[in-house]
Amino acid sequence: MSDKLVVVSSTAFLPPLSDGPSPATLVVVNGKIETVHRQILAASDFPGLGEGRYLDLGDKWLLPGVSEVNQGPVGPGGTRTGQG
């Protein structure tokens, strides 16, 4: 079985604990972020993409770790953060 590869780029990437949004391209393999490039890369920069997908989100927000905005970020292991 081959890995499911998705490459996602956004000019508004907002990782946890950051000072604000920045451009980024994320490589996601089998649903997990494998690599974060702190710049916008084109689909042509990934010659091995093959059957994978390239998603250009433009200026739409990319918020890794946020599964439901009204519930807050999800920490390592799927635990909710910020709840006490």
Protein backbone atom coordinates (compact mmCIF):
# COMPACT_ATOMS: atom_id res chain seq x y z
CA MET A 1 0.00 0.00 0.00
CA SER A 2 1.45 3.40 -0.97
CA ASP A 3 1.57 6.45 1.26
CA LYS A 4 -1.08 9.13 0.83
CA LEU A 5 0.77 12.38 0.09
CA VAL A 6 -0.73 15.88 0.26
CA VAL A 7 1.24 19.12 -0.11
CA VAL A 8 -0.50 22.25 1.21
CA SER A 9 0.69 25.85 0.80
CA SER A 10 -0.67 29.02 2.38
CA THR A 11 0.50 32.60 2.84
CA ALA A 12 -1.24 32.57 6.25
CA PHE A 13 0.32 29.62 8.11
CA LEU A 14 -0.11 30.03 11.88
CA PRO A 15 1.78 27.40 13.90
CA PRO A 16 1.25 27.15 17.67
CA LEU A 17 3.08 29.79 19.74
CA SER A 18 3.94 31.93 16.71
CA ASP A 19 4.03 35.71 16.51
CA GLY A 20 1.73 35.80 13.49
CA PRO A 21 0.99 34.25 10.13
CA SER A 22 3.71 33.56 7.60
CA PRO A 23 4.02 31.77 4.23
CA ALA A 24 4.56 28.02 4.37
CA THR A 25 4.24 24.75 2.51
CA LEU A 26 3.45 21.60 4.49
CA VAL A 27 4.08 18.03 3.38
CA VAL A 28 1.46 15.69 4.86
CA VAL A 29 1.95 11.92 4.65
CA ASN A 30 -0.88 9.62 5.72
CA GLY A 31 -2.59 12.48 7.57
CA LYS A 32 0.45 13.61 9.59
CA ILE A 33 2.60 16.68 8.97
CA GLU A 34 6.01 15.40 7.96
CA THR A 35 7.77 18.58 6.82
CA VAL A 36 7.16 22.32 7.15
CA HIS A 37 8.86 24.61 4.62
CA ARG A 38 8.71 28.26 5.72
CA GLN A 39 8.12 29.45 2.15
CA ILE A 40 5.66 28.85 -0.66
CA LEU A 41 6.80 26.00 -2.90
CA ALA A 42 5.13 25.12 -6.20
CA ALA A 43 3.77 21.70 -7.15
CA SER A 44 6.71 21.43 -9.58
CA ASP A 45 9.05 21.48 -6.53
CA PHE A 46 7.69 18.03 -5.65
CA PRO A 47 8.52 15.75 -8.60
CA GLY A 48 7.62 12.68 -6.54
CA LEU A 49 4.07 13.92 -5.92
CA GLY A 50 2.71 11.38 -8.40
CA GLU A 51 -0.82 10.44 -7.29
CA GLY A 52 -0.66 12.90 -4.39
CA ARG A 53 -2.42 16.25 -4.23
CA TYR A 54 -1.12 19.82 -4.15
CA LEU A 55 -3.44 22.32 -2.48
CA ASP A 56 -2.75 26.05 -2.80
CA LEU A 57 -4.81 27.75 -0.08
CA GLY A 58 -3.68 31.22 -1.14
CA ASP A 59 -4.35 33.60 1.76
CA LYS A 60 -6.67 31.22 3.62
CA TRP A 61 -5.52 30.44 7.16
CA LEU A 62 -3.64 27.19 7.75
CA LEU A 63 -3.90 26.25 11.44
CA PRO A 64 -2.23 22.92 12.23
CA GLY A 65 -3.58 21.28 15.37
CA VAL A 66 -6.96 22.99 15.20
CA SER A 67 -9.62 20.41 14.43
CA GLU A 68 -12.63 22.44 15.57
CA VAL A 69 -12.21 26.19 15.97
CA ASN A 70 -14.81 26.41 18.73
CA GLN A 71 -12.96 23.80 20.85
CA GLY A 72 -9.36 25.00 20.74
CA PRO A 73 -6.06 23.44 19.66
CA VAL A 74 -5.29 19.75 19.98
CA GLY A 75 -1.96 18.90 21.58
CA PRO A 76 0.29 15.88 21.10
CA GLY A 77 -1.54 12.58 21.41
CA GLY A 78 -4.89 14.18 20.61
CA THR A 79 -5.29 15.87 23.99
CA ARG A 80 -7.06 19.20 24.14
CA THR A 81 -4.94 22.15 25.26
CA GLY A 82 -6.13 25.19 27.18
CA GLN A 83 -8.85 23.35 29.08
CA GLY A 84 -8.69 23.29 32.82
